[in-house]
């Protein structure tokens, strides 16, 4: 079986699906590895490192694609790549199948066996494959740095001969993986941090990092999905939430928003009125910009100033730390391959919860119950 690793085609994508270290693991599974020339350059992995690890470097992309049996990628490959895959090829990448129905139909019609790194179930046994968490961890860390860099104030308290400067106030909305890392990073930088999440269960985690948990009494018992994500609230509870958040937003120097719902637009947590109530020079870093944003005035991919407030809508934050993001993603994808490959061949064991949910299409059929239930 031939495994191929392509150069990513996204404009702001610097990651690579498998590092040279990962090539060693793949060859130990009895697989032949081919890598497109220059695939790792933007993440600081050189062709010579792949060759030393046992991979064959191929300059012609068409040759690489037509010969491969398994294609490993970070983002969904562009159509020109997918068109060149032979029927029966296994594709593993972030596919976002709930949002991309046309892609799923294409993969079914072409008989591509596709596994989505974004539908790995959040269970203990799958933690080593959880690429969403790996990338969210990076996004939370980098969002804290982006906010502190944009803010025209110190983050820590500073005692100087000219007087004492109080610490900056940071509010983190959403205490999932990204939010918790943002909290931890802002605390390390010396800020006073508050955090809000609709899931009361995360209060202990927030407080263990030294942040204050913002309580909003709501009337819903189940605020978390089976996958561990926050669920969308009723309109009445959304209004309660907004009132409390408004009071905390307007006194914050930095607000980092991380709330996302799989397969749906990001919920609006910060209204235009809230932004206009913030002090000039304050900063909002909207991690959810790729799903529309948690802030009403966010412009995905842009940095704007709205009545003196800096609103950042960064896209693909993990790609900005491509070296380590690639290293982590490579380990995630290899853990899945370790489960999938048996005696040098892919074995689709749908009795395994991980393989069942990760497999989007196989032999012309839609497989993943997660995709079926959310489409």
Protein backbone atom coordinates (compact mmCIF):
# COMPACT_ATOMS: atom_id res chain seq x y z
CA UNK A 1 0.00 0.00 0.00
CA UNK A 2 1.28 3.46 -0.96
CA UNK A 3 0.61 6.39 1.36
CA UNK A 4 0.85 9.87 -0.16
CA UNK A 5 1.36 13.21 1.57
CA UNK A 6 0.57 16.27 -0.57
CA UNK A 7 1.54 19.88 -0.24
CA UNK A 8 -1.48 21.62 1.29
CA UNK A 9 -3.28 23.88 -1.17
CA UNK A 10 -5.06 26.30 1.20
CA UNK A 11 -3.87 29.91 0.98
CA UNK A 12 -3.18 30.23 4.70
CA UNK A 13 -2.36 26.58 5.37
CA UNK A 14 1.25 26.00 6.42
CA UNK A 15 0.84 22.64 8.16
CA UNK A 16 1.74 19.23 6.73
CA UNK A 17 -0.19 16.06 7.49
CA UNK A 18 2.76 13.87 8.52
CA UNK A 19 6.21 14.86 9.78
CA UNK A 20 9.42 12.93 8.98
CA UNK A 21 9.10 11.30 12.40
CA UNK A 22 5.67 10.07 11.31
CA UNK A 23 7.10 8.55 8.13
CA UNK A 24 9.16 6.19 10.28
CA UNK A 25 5.96 5.03 11.98
CA UNK A 26 4.14 4.51 8.67
CA UNK A 27 6.94 2.43 7.18
CA UNK A 28 6.97 0.28 10.32
CA UNK A 29 3.34 -0.57 9.51
CA UNK A 30 4.47 -2.05 6.19
CA UNK A 31 3.44 0.97 4.12
CA UNK A 32 5.38 2.75 1.38
CA UNK A 33 5.39 6.54 1.84
CA UNK A 34 5.59 9.12 -0.96
CA UNK A 35 5.80 12.84 -0.24
CA UNK A 36 5.24 15.69 -2.68
CA UNK A 37 8.38 17.80 -3.03
CA UNK A 38 8.22 20.78 -0.69
CA UNK A 39 5.21 19.48 1.26
CA UNK A 40 6.82 20.26 4.62
CA UNK A 41 8.74 23.43 3.81
CA UNK A 42 6.18 25.88 5.24
CA UNK A 43 6.24 24.00 8.54
CA UNK A 44 10.06 23.78 8.61
CA UNK A 45 10.32 20.10 7.58
CA UNK A 46 12.75 19.61 4.68
CA UNK A 47 12.56 17.06 1.86
CA UNK A 48 15.90 15.61 2.92
CA UNK A 49 14.45 14.86 6.38
CA UNK A 50 11.60 12.90 4.77
CA UNK A 51 14.07 10.98 2.62
CA UNK A 52 16.21 10.12 5.62
CA UNK A 53 13.06 8.85 7.36
CA UNK A 54 12.35 6.47 4.48
CA UNK A 55 9.99 8.40 2.21
CA UNK A 56 10.23 8.83 -1.57
CA UNK A 57 10.04 12.45 -2.76
CA UNK A 58 7.86 12.90 -5.86
CA UNK A 59 7.94 16.18 -7.79
CA UNK A 60 4.93 15.52 -10.04
CA UNK A 61 1.70 15.73 -8.08
CA UNK A 62 -0.36 13.81 -10.64
CA UNK A 63 2.03 10.86 -10.49
CA UNK A 64 1.91 10.89 -6.69
CA UNK A 65 -1.91 10.97 -6.61
CA UNK A 66 -2.51 8.31 -9.23
CA UNK A 67 -0.15 5.86 -7.52
CA UNK A 68 -1.40 6.30 -3.95
CA UNK A 69 -3.76 4.01 -2.07
CA UNK A 70 -4.06 6.27 0.99
CA UNK A 71 -3.92 10.08 0.93
CA UNK A 72 -3.22 11.87 4.21
CA UNK A 73 -3.96 15.59 4.40
CA UNK A 74 -4.71 18.36 6.86
CA UNK A 75 -7.48 20.23 5.06
CA UNK A 76 -9.87 18.75 2.51
CA UNK A 77 -7.85 18.57 -0.71
CA UNK A 78 -8.95 20.82 -3.57
CA UNK A 79 -11.17 19.36 -6.28
CA UNK A 80 -8.28 19.03 -8.73
CA UNK A 81 -6.63 16.64 -6.25
CA UNK A 82 -9.76 14.65 -5.49
CA UNK A 83 -10.47 14.18 -9.21
CA UNK A 84 -7.17 12.33 -9.64
CA UNK A 85 -7.73 9.78 -6.89
CA UNK A 86 -8.57 6.29 -8.09
CA UNK A 87 -11.74 4.57 -6.81
CA UNK A 88 -11.11 2.76 -3.55
CA UNK A 89 -8.52 5.26 -2.32
CA UNK A 90 -8.59 6.01 1.41
CA UNK A 91 -8.64 9.73 2.26
CA UNK A 92 -7.98 11.01 5.80
CA UNK A 93 -8.22 14.75 6.58
CA UNK A 94 -10.36 17.41 8.19
CA UNK A 95 -13.44 17.03 5.96
CA UNK A 96 -16.20 18.88 7.88
CA UNK A 97 -18.82 16.58 6.29
CA UNK A 98 -21.80 18.13 8.08
CA UNK A 99 -21.14 21.47 6.41
CA UNK A 100 -20.00 19.97 3.08
CA UNK A 101 -22.80 17.81 1.73
CA UNK A 102 -21.61 18.14 -1.89
CA UNK A 103 -18.19 16.80 -0.92
CA UNK A 104 -19.78 13.78 0.78
CA UNK A 105 -21.84 13.02 -2.34
CA UNK A 106 -18.73 13.29 -4.52
CA UNK A 107 -16.77 10.92 -2.27
CA UNK A 108 -19.67 8.43 -2.35
CA UNK A 109 -19.97 8.57 -6.13
CA UNK A 110 -16.22 8.18 -6.65
CA UNK A 111 -16.06 5.30 -4.14
CA UNK A 112 -13.51 7.03 -1.92
CA UNK A 113 -13.23 5.66 1.61
CA UNK A 114 -12.97 8.86 3.64
CA UNK A 115 -12.24 9.34 7.33
CA UNK A 116 -12.73 12.76 8.92
CA UNK A 117 -10.39 13.88 11.67
CA UNK A 118 -13.21 16.17 12.85
CA UNK A 119 -15.65 13.31 13.58
CA UNK A 120 -13.39 11.32 15.89
CA UNK A 121 -15.56 10.60 18.96
CA UNK A 122 -14.50 12.30 22.18
CA UNK A 123 -13.95 9.18 24.23
CA UNK A 124 -10.96 8.22 26.38
CA UNK A 125 -9.67 5.63 23.93
CA UNK A 126 -9.62 8.19 21.11
CA UNK A 127 -7.75 10.97 22.93
CA UNK A 128 -4.52 10.32 21.04
CA UNK A 129 -6.45 10.82 17.76
CA UNK A 130 -8.36 13.94 18.80
CA UNK A 131 -6.99 16.45 16.31
CA UNK A 132 -9.72 18.98 17.13
CA UNK A 133 -8.44 19.20 20.69
CA UNK A 134 -4.79 19.35 19.58
CA UNK A 135 -5.50 22.25 17.26
CA UNK A 136 -7.82 24.00 19.74
CA UNK A 137 -5.04 23.90 22.33
CA UNK A 138 -2.77 25.77 19.93
CA UNK A 139 -5.54 28.23 19.00
CA UNK A 140 -6.19 29.11 22.66
CA UNK A 141 -2.52 29.70 23.35
CA UNK A 142 -1.97 31.84 20.27
CA UNK A 143 -5.20 33.83 20.84
CA UNK A 144 -3.88 34.92 24.24
CA UNK A 145 -0.65 36.11 22.62
CA UNK A 146 -2.54 37.91 19.86
CA UNK A 147 -4.70 39.72 22.39
CA UNK A 148 -1.76 40.73 24.56
CA UNK A 149 0.20 41.90 21.53
CA UNK A 150 -2.67 44.09 20.31
CA UNK A 151 -3.48 45.56 23.72
CA UNK A 152 -1.66 48.82 24.47
CA UNK A 153 -1.30 47.96 28.16
CA UNK A 154 0.77 45.68 30.39
CA UNK A 155 -0.83 42.35 31.21
CA UNK A 156 0.83 41.83 34.62
CA UNK A 157 0.75 44.26 37.52
CA UNK A 158 3.82 46.47 37.35
CA UNK A 159 5.31 48.31 40.31
CA UNK A 160 7.55 51.12 39.10
CA UNK A 161 9.07 54.31 40.50
CA UNK A 162 6.42 56.20 38.56
CA UNK A 163 3.59 54.27 40.21
CA UNK A 164 1.80 50.92 40.21
CA UNK A 165 0.10 49.66 37.04
CA UNK A 166 -2.84 47.31 37.74
CA UNK A 167 -3.03 44.00 35.84
CA UNK A 168 -5.11 43.71 32.68
CA UNK A 169 -8.54 42.08 32.90
CA UNK A 170 -9.21 39.21 30.53
CA UNK A 171 -12.56 37.50 29.89
CA UNK A 172 -12.61 34.12 28.13
CA UNK A 173 -15.95 32.98 26.71
CA UNK A 174 -16.09 29.21 26.37
CA UNK A 175 -14.04 26.89 28.56
CA UNK A 176 -13.36 24.04 26.18
CA UNK A 177 -9.84 23.05 25.18
CA UNK A 178 -9.12 26.40 23.49
CA UNK A 179 -10.65 28.43 26.28
CA UNK A 180 -8.77 26.61 29.04
CA UNK A 181 -5.46 27.09 27.23
CA UNK A 182 -6.26 30.78 26.71
CA UNK A 183 -6.96 31.09 30.44
CA UNK A 184 -3.73 29.34 31.38
CA UNK A 185 -1.65 31.46 28.99
CA UNK A 186 -3.19 34.76 30.14
CA UNK A 187 -2.62 33.77 33.77
CA UNK A 188 1.04 32.98 33.01
CA UNK A 189 1.33 36.44 31.47
CA UNK A 190 0.02 37.97 34.70
CA UNK A 191 -3.53 39.03 33.80
CA UNK A 192 -6.60 38.76 36.02
CA UNK A 193 -8.82 36.25 34.21
CA UNK A 194 -12.54 35.48 34.26
CA UNK A 195 -14.24 32.78 32.20
CA UNK A 196 -17.78 31.87 31.23
CA UNK A 197 -19.24 28.63 29.88
CA UNK A 198 -22.82 27.35 29.80
CA UNK A 199 -21.62 24.00 31.17
CA UNK A 200 -21.43 24.19 34.98
CA UNK A 201 -19.22 21.10 34.97
CA UNK A 202 -16.23 23.12 33.72
CA UNK A 203 -16.28 25.51 36.68
CA UNK A 204 -13.77 23.40 38.61
CA UNK A 205 -11.40 23.32 35.63
CA UNK A 206 -11.57 27.10 35.23
CA UNK A 207 -10.91 27.70 38.92
CA UNK A 208 -8.05 25.17 38.96
CA UNK A 209 -6.24 27.46 36.50
CA UNK A 210 -6.64 30.44 38.80
CA UNK A 211 -9.48 32.15 36.94
CA UNK A 212 -12.86 33.26 38.28
CA UNK A 213 -15.88 31.42 36.86
CA UNK A 214 -18.75 33.68 35.79
CA UNK A 215 -22.01 32.06 36.89
CA UNK A 216 -25.16 32.57 34.81
CA UNK A 217 -28.22 30.79 36.28
CA UNK A 218 -30.03 29.01 33.45
CA UNK A 219 -33.11 26.79 33.37
CA UNK A 220 -31.75 23.98 31.20
CA UNK A 221 -30.41 20.78 32.73
CA UNK A 222 -28.51 19.50 29.69
CA UNK A 223 -26.03 22.04 28.37
CA UNK A 224 -23.51 19.58 26.95
CA UNK A 225 -23.80 17.24 23.95
CA UNK A 226 -22.69 13.61 23.94
CA UNK A 227 -19.50 14.71 22.19
CA UNK A 228 -18.59 17.04 25.06
CA UNK A 229 -19.50 20.24 23.22
CA UNK A 230 -21.74 23.02 24.51
CA UNK A 231 -25.32 22.83 23.25
CA UNK A 232 -27.30 25.78 21.93
CA UNK A 233 -29.51 27.45 24.57
CA UNK A 234 -33.14 28.52 24.39
CA UNK A 235 -33.86 32.17 23.48
CA UNK A 236 -34.82 32.99 27.08
CA UNK A 237 -31.59 31.63 28.48
CA UNK A 238 -29.59 33.29 25.73
CA UNK A 239 -30.98 36.64 26.88
CA UNK A 240 -30.03 35.94 30.50
CA UNK A 241 -26.58 34.96 29.36
CA UNK A 242 -26.16 38.15 27.31
CA UNK A 243 -27.12 40.39 30.24
CA UNK A 244 -24.46 38.90 32.50
CA UNK A 245 -21.81 38.72 29.78
CA UNK A 246 -22.45 42.39 28.91
CA UNK A 247 -21.49 43.49 32.42
CA UNK A 248 -18.23 41.54 32.29
CA UNK A 249 -17.34 42.43 28.69
CA UNK A 250 -17.50 46.17 29.23
CA UNK A 251 -14.93 46.11 32.05
CA UNK A 252 -12.51 43.76 30.26
CA UNK A 253 -9.31 44.78 28.48
CA UNK A 254 -9.20 41.58 26.40
CA UNK A 255 -12.07 39.26 25.51
CA UNK A 256 -11.27 35.90 23.90
CA UNK A 257 -14.26 34.05 22.44
CA UNK A 258 -14.10 30.32 21.69
CA UNK A 259 -17.71 29.08 21.54
CA UNK A 260 -18.48 26.80 18.59
CA UNK A 261 -21.23 24.27 17.83
CA UNK A 262 -20.35 21.45 15.39
CA UNK A 263 -22.10 21.85 12.06
CA UNK A 264 -23.70 25.20 12.92
CA UNK A 265 -22.78 28.88 12.78
CA UNK A 266 -21.02 30.10 15.93
CA UNK A 267 -23.43 31.60 18.49
CA UNK A 268 -23.37 35.38 18.91
CA UNK A 269 -22.18 36.08 22.46
CA UNK A 270 -20.97 39.68 22.06
CA UNK A 271 -23.41 42.11 20.47
CA UNK A 272 -22.53 45.36 18.73
CA UNK A 273 -23.83 47.24 21.79
CA UNK A 274 -21.46 45.32 24.08
CA UNK A 275 -18.49 46.21 21.88
CA UNK A 276 -19.48 49.86 21.97
CA UNK A 277 -19.60 49.73 25.77
CA UNK A 278 -15.95 48.60 26.00
CA UNK A 279 -13.12 51.03 26.69
CA UNK A 280 -11.14 52.37 23.73
CA UNK A 281 -8.04 50.26 23.10
CA UNK A 282 -9.71 47.07 24.33
CA UNK A 283 -9.28 43.91 22.27
CA UNK A 284 -11.58 41.08 21.18
CA UNK A 285 -9.98 37.94 19.73
CA UNK A 286 -12.71 35.86 18.10
CA UNK A 287 -11.42 32.30 17.69
CA UNK A 288 -14.82 31.29 16.24
CA UNK A 289 -14.39 33.63 13.24
CA UNK A 290 -14.22 30.68 10.81
CA UNK A 291 -17.80 29.78 11.77
CA UNK A 292 -18.99 33.37 11.51
CA UNK A 293 -17.76 34.56 14.90
CA UNK A 294 -19.04 34.96 18.45
CA UNK A 295 -18.94 38.75 18.12
CA UNK A 296 -21.56 40.52 16.03
CA UNK A 297 -19.04 42.88 14.41
CA UNK A 298 -16.34 40.28 13.67
CA UNK A 299 -15.16 40.18 10.07
CA UNK A 300 -13.58 36.75 9.47
CA UNK A 301 -9.98 37.04 8.38
CA UNK A 302 -9.80 40.76 9.22
CA UNK A 303 -8.65 43.00 12.05
CA UNK A 304 -10.98 45.97 12.46
CA UNK A 305 -11.45 48.83 14.90
CA UNK A 306 -15.05 49.38 15.97
CA UNK A 307 -15.49 52.61 17.92
CA UNK A 308 -12.01 52.30 19.39
CA UNK A 309 -12.18 48.55 20.11
CA UNK A 310 -9.84 46.20 18.22
CA UNK A 311 -11.78 43.19 16.91
CA UNK A 312 -9.64 40.35 15.53
CA UNK A 313 -11.21 37.60 13.42
CA UNK A 314 -8.24 35.26 12.78
CA UNK A 315 -8.59 32.25 10.51
CA UNK A 316 -6.71 28.95 10.84
CA UNK A 317 -4.79 29.98 13.95
CA UNK A 318 -3.01 26.59 14.32
CA UNK A 319 -1.32 27.16 10.96
CA UNK A 320 0.53 30.14 12.44
CA UNK A 321 2.44 27.66 14.66
CA UNK A 322 2.91 25.20 11.82
CA UNK A 323 5.92 23.29 13.18
CA UNK A 324 4.26 22.11 16.38
CA UNK A 325 0.77 22.01 14.89
CA UNK A 326 2.06 19.58 12.24
CA UNK A 327 3.85 17.51 14.87
CA UNK A 328 0.69 17.14 16.95
CA UNK A 329 -1.59 16.52 13.95
CA UNK A 330 0.84 13.93 12.62
CA UNK A 331 0.65 12.05 15.91
CA UNK A 332 -3.16 12.26 15.85
CA UNK A 333 -3.44 10.90 12.31
CA UNK A 334 -0.89 8.16 12.98
CA UNK A 335 -2.85 6.99 16.02
CA UNK A 336 -5.88 6.60 13.77
CA UNK A 337 -3.79 4.80 11.15
CA UNK A 338 -2.50 2.44 13.84
CA UNK A 339 -6.11 1.46 14.52
CA UNK A 340 -7.10 1.29 10.84
CA UNK A 341 -4.15 -0.60 9.35
CA UNK A 342 -3.96 -4.35 9.85
CA UNK A 343 -1.11 -6.32 8.23
CA UNK A 344 -0.34 -3.45 5.87
CA UNK A 345 -3.96 -3.02 4.70
CA UNK A 346 -6.83 -0.78 5.88
CA UNK A 347 -9.44 -2.75 7.81
CA UNK A 348 -12.77 -0.99 8.29
CA UNK A 349 -14.04 -2.60 11.48
CA UNK A 350 -17.35 -0.84 12.08
CA UNK A 351 -17.78 -2.63 15.39
CA UNK A 352 -15.14 -0.18 16.64
CA UNK A 353 -16.80 3.08 17.74
CA UNK A 354 -13.87 5.18 16.54
CA UNK A 355 -13.70 3.72 13.03
CA UNK A 356 -17.50 3.81 12.74
CA UNK A 357 -17.83 7.51 13.58
CA UNK A 358 -14.69 8.64 11.77
CA UNK A 359 -15.59 6.91 8.49
CA UNK A 360 -17.72 9.28 6.44
CA UNK A 361 -17.93 7.29 3.20
CA UNK A 362 -17.01 3.71 2.30
CA UNK A 363 -17.90 1.68 -0.80
CA UNK A 364 -20.37 4.33 -1.94
CA UNK A 365 -22.27 4.59 1.33
CA UNK A 366 -22.49 7.21 4.09
CA UNK A 367 -21.30 5.47 7.26
CA UNK A 368 -20.74 7.80 10.24
CA UNK A 369 -23.74 7.94 12.63
CA UNK A 370 -22.43 11.32 13.84
CA UNK A 371 -22.71 12.74 10.32
CA UNK A 372 -26.10 11.09 9.72
CA UNK A 373 -27.53 12.50 12.95
CA UNK A 374 -26.26 16.04 12.35
CA UNK A 375 -26.78 16.46 8.60
